[in-house]
Amino acid sequence: MCCSFEGMASSDKPEIVDRDAREKDPKEDDKDEEKGGFMDKVKDFIQDIGEKIEGAIGFGKPTADVAEIHVPTINLEKAEIVVDVLIKNPNPVPIPLIDINYLIESDGRKLISGLIPDAGTIPAHGEETVKIPIRLVYDDIKNTYADIKPGSIIPYRIKVDLIIDVPIFGRITLPLEKTGEIPIPFKPDIDVENIKFERFSFEETVAVLHLRLENKNDFDLGLNDLDYEVWLSDVSIGGAELEKSTKLDKNGISYIDIPITFKPKDFGSAVWDMIRGKGTGYSMKGNINVDTPFGAMKLPISKEGGTTRLKKSKEDGGDDDDETFYWLDSKSGSTLFTLIFKGLKVSA
C-alpha cells in the first residue's frame, strides 16, 4: 500500500492578527472626534453661560485678608490672641461662612490648631471683620517642646482657611497666613537689698525699701505699677505705690526705691530681734504691671524666707563688724536711741 501526503500551500495557512494591533475603523475615529468636540462645546457653553450670569447679576469670588493680630491678655500661664480677618463679599446675596480652620506653628512645629464651625454670614455687597480667638497655654507648649524656655521669644506662623459657600462658584476655601513673634514670659526675681529708715518711732516709722529686680526675659519691661505687701516676722507692714516708672532691661538687674510706713509696736518681739542684730524673716508678695513690645502684662513677684537685720550704715561710719545700731531723725538729725551691745548699754 502506498500512502502520500500533499503539503498545504502557504497561502492556505490561517492568518493570526493581534486584536490590539488592528487599525481602527475610520468611522470610529470620526465618532470619537465628534464626541470630544461635543463635550468641549458643552463645557464652553456652560462656562460662557456662567460668565454671562456672573456679569449680569454681579457674582464674584469674595476676598479676605488678615487686618490685625492683637494680644488682649498675656501672663505667665497663657496668651490670648485675636486674629481679625476682613472678608469682602461682592455678591448681591449674603454668603455663609461655613467653617474656619486655624493653625499656629513655630519653626514648623504645631503649637495649636482648631475649627470654628458656622462662623456667621457675610452681608451682600458688604464686608465683615471676623474675629478668631486663639488661646496659647504655655505649659502645653513647654511640655511638648522642652527647648522652648521661659523668658524666650519664639516666631510663629498663623494659617487660616476660610470655607465659604458662594452661588455659581460653590464651596471655596480662602487661605490666609501671617507671621510674627510671641514671648514666653518669666517672672522677675525680687529681693530687699536694704531698708533705709528716714524717721523711726514705735508709733510710726517711715522707711525706704531698696529693691533689687532681675528681669530674666529676652525683652525689656517698662515698670508702671507695683502692687505688693511686705511681711516682717509674719506681720504685715503693708505696701506702697511706685513713685515713678522705670525700665527693667532685658536679662538685666535694676534697683528701685519704694517708700513704706509701718508701726514697729505691732511687731512685738520681732522688732527687738532686728535691733539686737539677730535678724528676722521677711517675705514679699505682689504683682508688677509692665509694658512690653507685645502688650501690657501683669507679672507676679514673690520673695519668701528672706532674713534682714538692722545695722549702722557705712555712710555713718559703720562696717560689717560694727555692733552699734541707730536711727536718725531725718528732720533734726538727732539720734533717737543708740544700742551698744559691747557694753550692754541702752540709751534713748
Protein backbone atom coordinates (compact mmCIF):
# COMPACT_ATOMS: atom_id res chain seq x y z
CA MET A 1 0.00 0.00 0.00
CA CYS A 2 1.33 3.32 -0.81
CA CYS A 3 0.35 6.43 1.03
CA SER A 4 1.20 10.02 0.18
CA PHE A 5 0.53 13.42 1.84
CA GLU A 6 0.14 16.64 -0.03
CA GLY A 7 1.57 19.75 1.70
CA MET A 8 -0.65 22.78 2.43
CA ALA A 9 0.30 25.87 0.46
CA SER A 10 1.48 28.86 2.44
CA SER A 11 -1.41 30.85 1.06
CA ASP A 12 -3.83 28.39 2.70
CA LYS A 13 -2.49 28.98 6.31
CA PRO A 14 -4.83 30.94 8.66
CA GLU A 15 -3.74 34.49 9.47
CA ILE A 16 -3.41 35.39 13.18
CA VAL A 17 -3.91 39.09 13.88
CA ASP A 18 -3.43 40.82 17.28
CA ARG A 19 -6.72 42.43 18.28
CA ASP A 20 -4.99 45.48 19.69
CA ALA A 21 -2.86 45.86 16.61
CA ARG A 22 -5.80 46.18 14.28
CA GLU A 23 -6.34 49.56 12.80
CA LYS A 24 -9.43 51.40 13.97
CA ASP A 25 -12.24 51.88 11.63
CA PRO A 26 -12.06 55.43 10.24
CA LYS A 27 -15.74 55.76 11.08
CA GLU A 28 -14.98 55.09 14.77
CA ASP A 29 -12.32 57.82 14.76
CA ASP A 30 -14.84 60.23 13.33
CA LYS A 31 -17.30 59.30 16.09
CA ASP A 32 -14.65 59.91 18.81
CA GLU A 33 -13.80 63.28 17.34
CA GLU A 34 -17.44 64.21 17.16
CA LYS A 35 -17.98 63.09 20.78
CA GLY A 36 -14.94 65.03 22.09
CA GLY A 37 -15.92 68.07 20.16
CA PHE A 38 -19.44 67.89 21.53
CA MET A 39 -18.27 67.68 25.18
CA ASP A 40 -15.88 70.60 24.68
CA LYS A 41 -18.72 72.61 23.22
CA VAL A 42 -20.92 71.77 26.22
CA LYS A 43 -18.20 72.83 28.67
CA ASP A 44 -17.59 76.05 26.78
CA PHE A 45 -21.32 76.70 26.68
CA ILE A 46 -21.71 76.17 30.44
CA GLN A 47 -18.69 78.37 31.19
CA ASP A 48 -19.98 81.04 28.84
CA ILE A 49 -23.44 80.94 30.43
CA GLY A 50 -21.86 81.14 33.91
CA GLU A 51 -19.76 84.15 32.96
CA LYS A 52 -22.78 85.86 31.42
CA ILE A 53 -24.87 85.19 34.55
CA GLU A 54 -22.00 86.37 36.77
CA GLY A 55 -21.63 89.52 34.71
CA ALA A 56 -25.36 90.14 34.60
CA ILE A 57 -26.13 89.73 38.30
CA GLY A 58 -22.72 90.57 39.75
CA PHE A 59 -21.48 87.31 41.28
CA GLY A 60 -17.79 87.07 42.12
CA LYS A 61 -15.32 85.45 44.48
CA PRO A 62 -15.05 87.01 47.94
CA THR A 63 -11.68 88.27 49.19
CA ALA A 64 -10.15 88.06 52.65
CA ASP A 65 -7.13 89.50 54.44
CA VAL A 66 -5.68 89.48 57.96
CA ALA A 67 -6.38 93.02 59.15
CA GLU A 68 -4.75 92.79 62.58
CA ILE A 69 -3.42 90.44 65.23
CA HIS A 70 -3.62 91.65 68.82
CA VAL A 71 -2.97 90.11 72.22
CA PRO A 72 -5.54 91.35 74.76
CA THR A 73 -4.25 89.10 77.56
CA ILE A 74 -0.80 87.73 78.25
CA ASN A 75 0.63 86.44 81.51
CA LEU A 76 2.71 83.58 82.86
CA GLU A 77 0.03 80.98 82.12
CA LYS A 78 -1.34 81.86 78.70
CA ALA A 79 -1.59 84.26 75.80
CA GLU A 80 -4.95 85.08 74.30
CA ILE A 81 -4.59 86.04 70.64
CA VAL A 82 -7.32 87.54 68.45
CA VAL A 83 -6.93 87.43 64.66
CA ASP A 84 -9.07 89.99 62.82
CA VAL A 85 -9.93 88.81 59.30
CA LEU A 86 -11.63 91.25 56.91
CA ILE A 87 -13.89 89.47 54.38
CA LYS A 88 -15.44 91.34 51.42
CA ASN A 89 -18.47 89.96 49.58
CA PRO A 90 -19.09 91.42 46.07
CA ASN A 91 -22.21 89.31 45.53
CA PRO A 92 -25.83 90.51 45.60
CA VAL A 93 -26.75 87.87 48.18
CA PRO A 94 -25.32 87.09 51.65
CA ILE A 95 -22.84 84.22 51.76
CA PRO A 96 -22.42 81.82 54.68
CA LEU A 97 -19.05 81.35 56.32
CA ILE A 98 -19.23 77.61 56.84
CA ASP A 99 -16.01 76.79 58.73
CA ILE A 100 -12.80 78.42 59.90
CA ASN A 101 -9.75 76.19 60.27
CA TYR A 102 -6.74 77.69 62.05
CA LEU A 103 -3.23 76.54 62.90
CA ILE A 104 -0.37 78.21 64.80
CA GLU A 105 3.10 76.78 64.35
CA SER A 106 6.62 77.76 65.33
CA ASP A 107 9.58 76.67 63.23
CA GLY A 108 7.34 74.13 61.54
CA ARG A 109 6.07 72.67 64.82
CA LYS A 110 2.39 72.83 65.66
CA LEU A 111 1.52 74.82 68.76
CA ILE A 112 -2.26 74.69 68.46
CA SER A 113 -4.99 74.10 65.88
CA GLY A 114 -8.76 74.25 65.85
CA LEU A 115 -12.04 74.56 63.97
CA ILE A 116 -14.77 77.18 64.32
CA PRO A 117 -17.99 75.93 62.66
CA ASP A 118 -20.87 78.10 61.42
CA ALA A 119 -18.88 81.29 61.79
CA GLY A 120 -21.58 83.64 60.50
CA THR A 121 -22.71 85.34 57.30
CA ILE A 122 -21.09 88.00 55.13
CA PRO A 123 -23.69 90.58 54.02
CA ALA A 124 -24.48 91.18 50.34
CA HIS A 125 -22.23 93.79 48.69
CA GLY A 126 -20.62 94.27 52.08
CA GLU A 127 -17.75 93.34 54.33
CA GLU A 128 -17.34 91.84 57.77
CA THR A 129 -14.46 91.62 60.23
CA VAL A 130 -14.43 88.13 61.68
CA LYS A 131 -12.58 87.71 64.99
CA ILE A 132 -10.80 84.41 65.55
CA PRO A 133 -9.94 83.90 69.25
CA ILE A 134 -6.97 81.63 69.95
CA ARG A 135 -5.56 80.67 73.35
CA LEU A 136 -1.96 79.51 73.80
CA VAL A 137 -1.35 77.69 77.09
CA TYR A 138 2.36 77.90 77.90
CA ASP A 139 2.51 74.72 79.97
CA ASP A 140 1.23 72.73 76.99
CA ILE A 141 3.91 74.26 74.77
CA LYS A 142 6.75 73.74 77.27
CA ASN A 143 5.67 70.17 78.00
CA THR A 144 5.65 69.37 74.27
CA TYR A 145 8.84 71.17 73.27
CA ALA A 146 11.47 71.14 76.01
CA ASP A 147 13.75 73.54 74.13
CA ILE A 148 11.23 76.39 74.44
CA LYS A 149 12.33 78.12 77.65
CA PRO A 150 10.55 80.68 79.85
CA GLY A 151 11.68 84.21 79.07
CA SER A 152 12.32 83.48 75.39
CA ILE A 153 10.73 84.92 72.25
CA ILE A 154 9.55 82.45 69.62
CA PRO A 155 8.49 83.02 66.00
CA TYR A 156 5.02 81.96 64.94
CA ARG A 157 3.05 81.47 61.75
CA ILE A 158 -0.75 81.61 61.77
CA LYS A 159 -2.56 79.77 58.99
CA VAL A 160 -6.29 80.32 58.48
CA ASP A 161 -8.61 78.62 55.97
CA LEU A 162 -12.00 80.27 55.43
CA ILE A 163 -14.54 77.89 53.89
CA ILE A 164 -17.47 79.74 52.28
CA ASP A 165 -20.36 78.83 50.01
CA VAL A 166 -20.81 81.13 47.00
CA PRO A 167 -23.57 80.86 44.36
CA ILE A 168 -22.26 79.84 40.91
CA PHE A 169 -18.81 79.00 42.38
CA GLY A 170 -19.97 76.62 45.09
CA ARG A 171 -17.88 75.90 48.18
CA ILE A 172 -14.45 77.55 48.08
CA THR A 173 -11.54 77.96 50.50
CA LEU A 174 -9.72 81.24 51.11
CA PRO A 175 -6.26 80.52 52.65
CA LEU A 176 -4.51 83.19 54.76
CA GLU A 177 -1.13 83.38 56.53
CA LYS A 178 0.54 85.79 58.94
CA THR A 179 3.85 85.65 60.81
CA GLY A 180 5.13 87.32 63.96
CA GLU A 181 6.73 86.76 67.36
CA ILE A 182 5.33 85.99 70.78
CA PRO A 183 7.04 85.77 74.20
CA ILE A 184 7.06 83.04 76.81
CA PRO A 185 7.11 85.34 79.89
CA PHE A 186 9.14 84.66 83.02
CA LYS A 187 8.52 86.36 86.36
CA PRO A 188 11.28 88.68 87.65
CA ASP A 189 13.27 87.87 90.78
CA ILE A 190 12.92 90.37 93.64
CA ASP A 191 14.94 90.89 96.79
CA VAL A 192 15.29 93.52 99.51
CA GLU A 193 18.84 94.87 99.40
CA ASN A 194 18.38 97.10 102.43
CA ILE A 195 15.91 99.25 104.36
CA LYS A 196 16.76 102.89 105.00
CA PHE A 197 14.90 104.47 107.90
CA GLU A 198 14.06 108.11 107.39
CA ARG A 199 12.03 108.51 110.58
CA PHE A 200 11.76 105.95 113.35
CA SER A 201 9.38 105.66 116.25
CA PHE A 202 7.43 102.79 117.71
CA GLU A 203 4.21 104.56 116.79
CA GLU A 204 5.10 105.19 113.16
CA THR A 205 8.22 104.56 111.11
CA VAL A 206 8.94 105.87 107.62
CA ALA A 207 11.45 103.87 105.64
CA VAL A 208 12.60 103.22 102.06
CA LEU A 209 12.93 99.71 100.70
CA HIS A 210 15.85 99.36 98.30
CA LEU A 211 14.70 96.56 95.99
CA ARG A 212 16.69 94.50 93.54
CA LEU A 213 14.78 93.28 90.46
CA GLU A 214 16.23 90.84 87.95
CA ASN A 215 14.50 90.64 84.57
CA LYS A 216 15.11 87.17 83.11
CA ASN A 217 13.22 87.81 79.88
CA ASP A 218 14.68 88.39 76.43
CA PHE A 219 12.74 91.66 76.21
CA ASP A 220 12.60 94.90 78.20
CA LEU A 221 9.93 95.55 80.82
CA GLY A 222 8.54 99.03 81.40
CA LEU A 223 7.59 99.00 85.09
CA ASN A 224 4.49 101.18 85.60
CA ASP A 225 2.99 99.95 88.83
CA LEU A 226 3.96 97.80 91.80
CA ASP A 227 1.28 96.16 93.90
CA TYR A 228 2.85 94.32 96.83
CA GLU A 229 2.78 93.59 100.53
CA VAL A 230 5.70 93.04 102.88
CA TRP A 231 5.74 90.83 105.97
CA LEU A 232 8.32 91.01 108.74
CA SER A 233 8.20 88.01 111.04
CA ASP A 234 4.74 87.07 109.73
CA VAL A 235 3.40 90.56 110.49
CA SER A 236 2.26 92.63 107.53
CA ILE A 237 3.81 96.08 107.35
CA GLY A 238 1.66 96.95 104.34
CA GLY A 239 2.66 98.13 100.93
CA ALA A 240 3.20 101.30 98.95
CA GLU A 241 2.91 102.73 95.47
CA LEU A 242 5.65 103.12 92.92
CA GLU A 243 6.55 106.82 92.71
CA LYS A 244 7.82 106.76 89.14
CA SER A 245 8.01 104.30 86.27
CA THR A 246 11.29 102.66 85.40
CA LYS A 247 12.76 100.39 82.76
CA LEU A 248 13.89 96.86 83.54
CA ASP A 249 16.45 95.94 80.88
CA LYS A 250 16.22 92.51 79.31
CA ASN A 251 18.35 89.91 81.10
CA GLY A 252 19.49 92.65 83.46
CA ILE A 253 19.34 93.81 87.09
CA SER A 254 17.67 97.04 88.19
CA TYR A 255 17.22 98.76 91.54
CA ILE A 256 14.24 100.74 92.72
CA ASP A 257 13.38 102.57 95.95
CA ILE A 258 9.93 102.11 97.48
CA PRO A 259 8.74 104.24 100.42
CA ILE A 260 6.85 102.47 103.19
CA THR A 261 5.27 103.42 106.52
CA PHE A 262 4.58 100.99 109.35
CA LYS A 263 4.22 100.71 113.16
CA PRO A 264 7.04 98.75 114.83
CA LYS A 265 4.98 98.32 118.01
CA ASP A 266 2.77 95.89 116.10
CA PHE A 267 5.71 93.51 115.59
CA GLY A 268 6.13 92.55 119.21
CA SER A 269 9.45 90.79 119.82
CA ALA A 270 10.33 90.82 116.12
CA VAL A 271 11.43 94.46 116.27
CA TRP A 272 13.80 93.70 119.16
CA ASP A 273 15.27 90.81 117.20
CA MET A 274 16.10 93.28 114.42
CA ILE A 275 17.50 95.82 116.83
CA ARG A 276 19.70 93.23 118.54
CA GLY A 277 21.05 92.12 115.18
CA LYS A 278 19.59 88.65 115.34
CA GLY A 279 17.71 89.18 112.13
CA THR A 280 14.11 88.47 111.34
CA GLY A 281 12.42 86.78 108.46
CA TYR A 282 10.65 88.73 105.76
CA SER A 283 8.64 87.97 102.66
CA MET A 284 7.16 89.92 99.77
CA LYS A 285 4.26 89.08 97.50
CA GLY A 286 2.51 91.04 94.83
CA ASN A 287 2.38 91.93 91.16
CA ILE A 288 4.02 94.33 88.78
CA ASN A 289 2.28 95.91 85.83
CA VAL A 290 4.65 96.31 82.91
CA ASP A 291 4.61 97.38 79.27
CA THR A 292 6.33 95.12 76.75
CA PRO A 293 6.74 95.07 72.96
CA PHE A 294 3.88 92.53 72.97
CA GLY A 295 1.43 94.46 75.10
CA ALA A 296 0.77 95.07 78.78
CA MET A 297 1.44 92.28 81.28
CA LYS A 298 0.73 91.69 84.95
CA LEU A 299 3.50 89.54 86.39
CA PRO A 300 3.69 88.12 89.93
CA ILE A 301 6.62 88.84 92.23
CA SER A 302 7.43 86.93 95.37
CA LYS A 303 10.22 86.50 97.89
CA GLU A 304 9.90 84.11 100.82
CA GLY A 305 12.31 83.03 103.50
CA GLY A 306 14.49 86.14 103.39
CA THR A 307 16.24 87.44 106.51
CA THR A 308 17.05 91.03 107.42
CA ARG A 309 18.61 92.88 110.34
CA LEU A 310 19.39 96.49 111.09
CA LYS A 311 22.86 97.92 111.36
CA LYS A 312 24.64 101.23 111.17
CA SER A 313 25.21 102.27 107.57
CA LYS A 314 28.72 102.67 106.15
CA GLU A 315 27.84 106.25 105.29
CA ASP A 316 27.54 106.88 109.02
CA GLY A 317 30.84 105.20 109.79
CA GLY A 318 29.66 101.67 110.32
CA ASP A 319 31.17 98.49 108.94
CA ASP A 320 30.38 94.81 108.88
CA ASP A 321 31.74 94.28 112.43
CA ASP A 322 30.06 97.34 113.95
CA GLU A 323 27.73 96.45 116.80
CA THR A 324 26.26 99.94 117.21
CA PHE A 325 22.81 100.30 115.69
CA TYR A 326 20.93 103.57 115.48
CA TRP A 327 18.39 105.56 113.51
CA LEU A 328 18.48 109.29 112.81
CA ASP A 329 15.54 111.64 112.74
CA SER A 330 15.50 112.89 109.14
CA LYS A 331 14.37 116.38 110.21
CA SER A 332 16.54 117.14 113.23
CA GLY A 333 19.38 114.73 112.59
CA SER A 334 19.38 113.76 116.26
CA THR A 335 19.84 110.22 117.44
CA LEU A 336 16.58 108.75 118.62
CA PHE A 337 18.29 105.98 120.50
CA THR A 338 21.53 104.04 120.46
CA LEU A 339 22.19 100.44 121.29
CA ILE A 340 25.76 99.44 122.18
CA PHE A 341 25.94 95.73 122.60
CA LYS A 342 29.57 95.51 123.75
CA GLY A 343 28.82 97.50 126.86
CA LEU A 344 25.21 96.32 127.02
CA LYS A 345 24.26 99.98 127.28
CA VAL A 346 20.85 101.05 126.02
CA SER A 347 20.08 104.76 125.80
CA ALA A 348 17.05 106.55 124.42
